[in-house]
Amino acid sequence: MTDWHDQAQCRGTDPETFFPAGFGARYLTRIERAKDDCWACQVRLDCLDDALNREGDTAASMRHGIRGGLEPDQRWRVHQQLTERKAAS
């Protein structure tokens, strides 16, 4: 069985692509480019699931980079929603 990492579109891409630094328009452009790359990837959901599992209850401010097409605060919100759904069931 092939690991999802082997099928990732970002494999071999400079990691800084998904961990942009800076501020302003250039920073926002880099974030959008990274997110676009993720959304075009066939294993995006596997990557997102991996990020959510690894980050667990980590605070939004301690999450970094674009993973599964989402920014850290977006992944935090997804984690919170999943946690709330589990608690309600």
N, C-alpha and C. Protein backbone atom coordinates (compact mmCIF):
# COMPACT_ATOMS: atom_id res chain seq x y z
N MET A 1 0.84 -1.19 0.00
CA MET A 1 0.00 0.00 0.00
C MET A 1 0.89 1.25 0.00
N THR A 2 0.55 2.21 -0.82
CA THR A 2 1.33 3.43 -0.94
C THR A 2 0.88 4.44 0.11
N ASP A 3 1.84 5.05 0.76
CA ASP A 3 1.56 6.09 1.75
C ASP A 3 1.07 7.34 1.02
N TRP A 4 0.13 8.05 1.61
CA TRP A 4 -0.42 9.24 0.95
C TRP A 4 0.66 10.28 0.68
N HIS A 5 1.70 10.33 1.50
CA HIS A 5 2.79 11.29 1.29
C HIS A 5 3.42 11.11 -0.09
N ASP A 6 3.50 9.86 -0.54
CA ASP A 6 4.12 9.58 -1.84
C ASP A 6 3.30 10.14 -3.00
N GLN A 7 2.02 10.38 -2.77
CA GLN A 7 1.14 10.89 -3.82
C GLN A 7 0.91 12.39 -3.73
N ALA A 8 1.46 13.02 -2.70
CA ALA A 8 1.22 14.44 -2.47
C ALA A 8 1.84 15.30 -3.58
N GLN A 9 1.06 16.22 -4.04
CA GLN A 9 1.51 17.14 -5.09
C GLN A 9 2.70 17.98 -4.62
N CYS A 10 2.77 18.23 -3.34
CA CYS A 10 3.83 19.09 -2.80
C CYS A 10 5.15 18.34 -2.57
N ARG A 11 5.13 17.05 -2.76
CA ARG A 11 6.34 16.25 -2.54
C ARG A 11 7.48 16.82 -3.37
N GLY A 12 8.57 17.17 -2.72
CA GLY A 12 9.72 17.74 -3.40
C GLY A 12 9.67 19.26 -3.51
N THR A 13 8.57 19.85 -3.09
CA THR A 13 8.44 21.31 -3.11
C THR A 13 9.15 21.90 -1.90
N ASP A 14 9.73 23.06 -2.07
CA ASP A 14 10.38 23.75 -0.96
C ASP A 14 9.37 23.94 0.17
N PRO A 15 9.65 23.43 1.37
CA PRO A 15 8.71 23.56 2.48
C PRO A 15 8.32 25.00 2.80
N GLU A 16 9.17 25.94 2.50
CA GLU A 16 8.85 27.35 2.78
C GLU A 16 7.62 27.80 2.00
N THR A 17 7.30 27.08 0.94
CA THR A 17 6.09 27.40 0.17
C THR A 17 4.86 27.32 1.05
N PHE A 18 4.85 26.38 1.98
CA PHE A 18 3.69 26.15 2.82
C PHE A 18 3.83 26.75 4.22
N PHE A 19 4.95 27.42 4.44
CA PHE A 19 5.20 28.12 5.71
C PHE A 19 5.70 29.52 5.39
N PRO A 20 4.87 30.30 4.66
CA PRO A 20 5.32 31.63 4.24
C PRO A 20 5.51 32.56 5.44
N ALA A 21 6.49 33.41 5.31
CA ALA A 21 6.76 34.41 6.35
C ALA A 21 6.52 35.79 5.76
N GLY A 22 6.28 36.73 6.64
CA GLY A 22 6.14 38.10 6.19
C GLY A 22 4.79 38.68 6.52
N PHE A 23 4.41 39.69 5.74
CA PHE A 23 3.15 40.38 5.95
C PHE A 23 2.80 41.12 4.67
N GLY A 24 1.61 41.65 4.63
CA GLY A 24 1.19 42.44 3.48
C GLY A 24 0.75 41.62 2.28
N ALA A 25 0.67 42.29 1.15
CA ALA A 25 0.15 41.68 -0.08
C ALA A 25 1.00 40.49 -0.54
N ARG A 26 2.30 40.61 -0.45
CA ARG A 26 3.16 39.51 -0.89
C ARG A 26 2.93 38.26 -0.03
N TYR A 27 2.79 38.44 1.26
CA TYR A 27 2.52 37.34 2.18
C TYR A 27 1.18 36.68 1.85
N LEU A 28 0.16 37.49 1.64
CA LEU A 28 -1.16 36.96 1.33
C LEU A 28 -1.16 36.21 0.00
N THR A 29 -0.40 36.70 -0.96
CA THR A 29 -0.28 36.02 -2.25
C THR A 29 0.37 34.66 -2.07
N ARG A 30 1.40 34.59 -1.23
CA ARG A 30 2.07 33.31 -0.97
C ARG A 30 1.12 32.32 -0.31
N ILE A 31 0.33 32.79 0.63
CA ILE A 31 -0.64 31.92 1.30
C ILE A 31 -1.65 31.38 0.29
N GLU A 32 -2.17 32.25 -0.53
CA GLU A 32 -3.17 31.81 -1.51
C GLU A 32 -2.57 30.83 -2.51
N ARG A 33 -1.34 31.04 -2.90
CA ARG A 33 -0.67 30.12 -3.83
C ARG A 33 -0.51 28.74 -3.18
N ALA A 34 -0.10 28.71 -1.92
CA ALA A 34 0.06 27.44 -1.21
C ALA A 34 -1.29 26.73 -1.08
N LYS A 35 -2.33 27.48 -0.74
CA LYS A 35 -3.65 26.89 -0.60
C LYS A 35 -4.15 26.35 -1.94
N ASP A 36 -3.90 27.08 -3.02
CA ASP A 36 -4.29 26.61 -4.35
C ASP A 36 -3.60 25.30 -4.68
N ASP A 37 -2.31 25.21 -4.35
CA ASP A 37 -1.56 23.97 -4.59
C ASP A 37 -2.20 22.82 -3.81
N CYS A 38 -2.56 23.07 -2.57
CA CYS A 38 -3.19 22.02 -1.75
C CYS A 38 -4.53 21.59 -2.33
N TRP A 39 -5.35 22.55 -2.70
CA TRP A 39 -6.69 22.22 -3.17
C TRP A 39 -6.65 21.43 -4.48
N ALA A 40 -5.56 21.52 -5.22
CA ALA A 40 -5.42 20.76 -6.47
C ALA A 40 -4.86 19.36 -6.22
N CYS A 41 -4.47 19.06 -5.00
CA CYS A 41 -3.82 17.80 -4.67
C CYS A 41 -4.84 16.69 -4.42
N GLN A 42 -4.53 15.51 -4.94
CA GLN A 42 -5.45 14.37 -4.80
C GLN A 42 -5.49 13.79 -3.39
N VAL A 43 -4.52 14.11 -2.55
CA VAL A 43 -4.50 13.57 -1.19
C VAL A 43 -4.66 14.68 -0.14
N ARG A 44 -5.30 15.78 -0.54
CA ARG A 44 -5.49 16.92 0.36
C ARG A 44 -6.20 16.52 1.65
N LEU A 45 -7.24 15.72 1.54
CA LEU A 45 -8.00 15.34 2.74
C LEU A 45 -7.17 14.45 3.67
N ASP A 46 -6.32 13.61 3.11
CA ASP A 46 -5.43 12.79 3.94
C ASP A 46 -4.46 13.70 4.70
N CYS A 47 -3.95 14.71 4.01
CA CYS A 47 -3.03 15.66 4.63
C CYS A 47 -3.73 16.44 5.74
N LEU A 48 -4.94 16.88 5.47
CA LEU A 48 -5.71 17.62 6.47
C LEU A 48 -5.99 16.75 7.68
N ASP A 49 -6.39 15.52 7.45
CA ASP A 49 -6.66 14.58 8.54
C ASP A 49 -5.39 14.38 9.37
N ASP A 50 -4.26 14.22 8.71
CA ASP A 50 -2.99 14.05 9.41
C ASP A 50 -2.68 15.28 10.26
N ALA A 51 -2.88 16.46 9.70
CA ALA A 51 -2.62 17.70 10.44
C ALA A 51 -3.52 17.79 11.67
N LEU A 52 -4.80 17.50 11.49
CA LEU A 52 -5.74 17.58 12.62
C LEU A 52 -5.37 16.58 13.71
N ASN A 53 -4.96 15.39 13.33
CA ASN A 53 -4.57 14.38 14.31
C ASN A 53 -3.28 14.77 15.03
N ARG A 54 -2.32 15.28 14.30
CA ARG A 54 -1.04 15.66 14.91
C ARG A 54 -1.19 16.88 15.82
N GLU A 55 -1.99 17.83 15.38
CA GLU A 55 -2.14 19.07 16.15
C GLU A 55 -3.05 18.88 17.36
N GLY A 56 -4.01 17.98 17.26
CA GLY A 56 -4.90 17.72 18.38
C GLY A 56 -5.50 18.98 18.98
N ASP A 57 -5.33 19.14 20.28
CA ASP A 57 -5.88 20.30 20.99
C ASP A 57 -4.92 21.49 21.01
N THR A 58 -3.89 21.45 20.20
CA THR A 58 -2.94 22.56 20.14
C THR A 58 -3.68 23.85 19.80
N ALA A 59 -3.38 24.90 20.51
CA ALA A 59 -4.01 26.20 20.28
C ALA A 59 -3.73 26.70 18.87
N ALA A 60 -4.65 27.48 18.34
CA ALA A 60 -4.51 28.02 16.99
C ALA A 60 -3.20 28.78 16.83
N SER A 61 -2.78 29.48 17.86
CA SER A 61 -1.55 30.27 17.78
C SER A 61 -0.29 29.42 17.72
N MET A 62 -0.41 28.13 18.04
CA MET A 62 0.75 27.23 18.02
C MET A 62 0.76 26.33 16.78
N ARG A 63 -0.20 26.51 15.92
CA ARG A 63 -0.26 25.76 14.66
C ARG A 63 0.44 26.60 13.60
N HIS A 64 1.05 25.92 12.64
CA HIS A 64 1.82 26.67 11.64
C HIS A 64 1.61 26.08 10.25
N GLY A 65 1.73 26.93 9.27
CA GLY A 65 1.75 26.51 7.88
C GLY A 65 0.39 26.19 7.28
N ILE A 66 0.44 25.96 5.99
CA ILE A 66 -0.73 25.56 5.23
C ILE A 66 -0.69 24.05 5.11
N ARG A 67 -1.73 23.39 5.58
CA ARG A 67 -1.81 21.91 5.49
C ARG A 67 -3.22 21.56 5.09
N GLY A 68 -3.34 20.67 4.13
CA GLY A 68 -4.66 20.27 3.68
C GLY A 68 -5.46 21.41 3.10
N GLY A 69 -4.78 22.45 2.66
CA GLY A 69 -5.45 23.60 2.06
C GLY A 69 -5.97 24.62 3.04
N LEU A 70 -5.66 24.44 4.33
CA LEU A 70 -6.18 25.36 5.35
C LEU A 70 -5.06 26.02 6.14
N GLU A 71 -5.34 27.23 6.57
CA GLU A 71 -4.43 27.97 7.44
C GLU A 71 -4.61 27.47 8.88
N PRO A 72 -3.66 27.79 9.75
CA PRO A 72 -3.74 27.30 11.14
C PRO A 72 -5.06 27.60 11.84
N ASP A 73 -5.56 28.83 11.73
CA ASP A 73 -6.81 29.16 12.42
C ASP A 73 -7.99 28.43 11.81
N GLN A 74 -7.92 28.16 10.51
CA GLN A 74 -8.99 27.40 9.87
C GLN A 74 -8.99 25.94 10.37
N ARG A 75 -7.80 25.38 10.51
CA ARG A 75 -7.71 24.01 11.04
C ARG A 75 -8.19 23.96 12.48
N TRP A 76 -7.91 24.99 13.25
CA TRP A 76 -8.38 25.04 14.64
C TRP A 76 -9.90 25.01 14.68
N ARG A 77 -10.55 25.79 13.80
CA ARG A 77 -12.01 25.81 13.76
C ARG A 77 -12.58 24.44 13.37
N VAL A 78 -11.95 23.79 12.41
CA VAL A 78 -12.39 22.44 12.02
C VAL A 78 -12.26 21.50 13.22
N HIS A 79 -11.13 21.58 13.91
CA HIS A 79 -10.92 20.73 15.10
C HIS A 79 -12.01 20.99 16.13
N GLN A 80 -12.31 22.25 16.39
CA GLN A 80 -13.34 22.60 17.37
C GLN A 80 -14.70 22.04 16.96
N GLN A 81 -15.04 22.17 15.68
CA GLN A 81 -16.32 21.66 15.19
C GLN A 81 -16.41 20.14 15.35
N LEU A 82 -15.33 19.45 15.01
CA LEU A 82 -15.32 17.99 15.16
C LEU A 82 -15.44 17.59 16.63
N THR A 83 -14.76 18.31 17.50
CA THR A 83 -14.82 18.03 18.93
C THR A 83 -16.24 18.23 19.46
N GLU A 84 -16.88 19.31 19.04
CA GLU A 84 -18.25 19.59 19.46
C GLU A 84 -19.21 18.52 18.97
N ARG A 85 -19.03 18.05 17.74
CA ARG A 85 -19.90 17.01 17.20
C ARG A 85 -19.74 15.71 17.97
N LYS A 86 -18.52 15.37 18.31
CA LYS A 86 -18.28 14.14 19.09
C LYS A 86 -18.93 14.24 20.46
N ALA A 87 -18.82 15.41 21.08
CA ALA A 87 -19.39 15.59 22.41
C ALA A 87 -20.93 15.54 22.37
N ALA A 88 -21.52 15.99 21.27
CA ALA A 88 -22.98 16.01 21.15
C ALA A 88 -23.56 14.63 20.84
N SER A 89 -22.74 13.73 20.35
CA SER A 89 -23.29 12.41 19.99
C SER A 89 -23.19 11.40 21.10
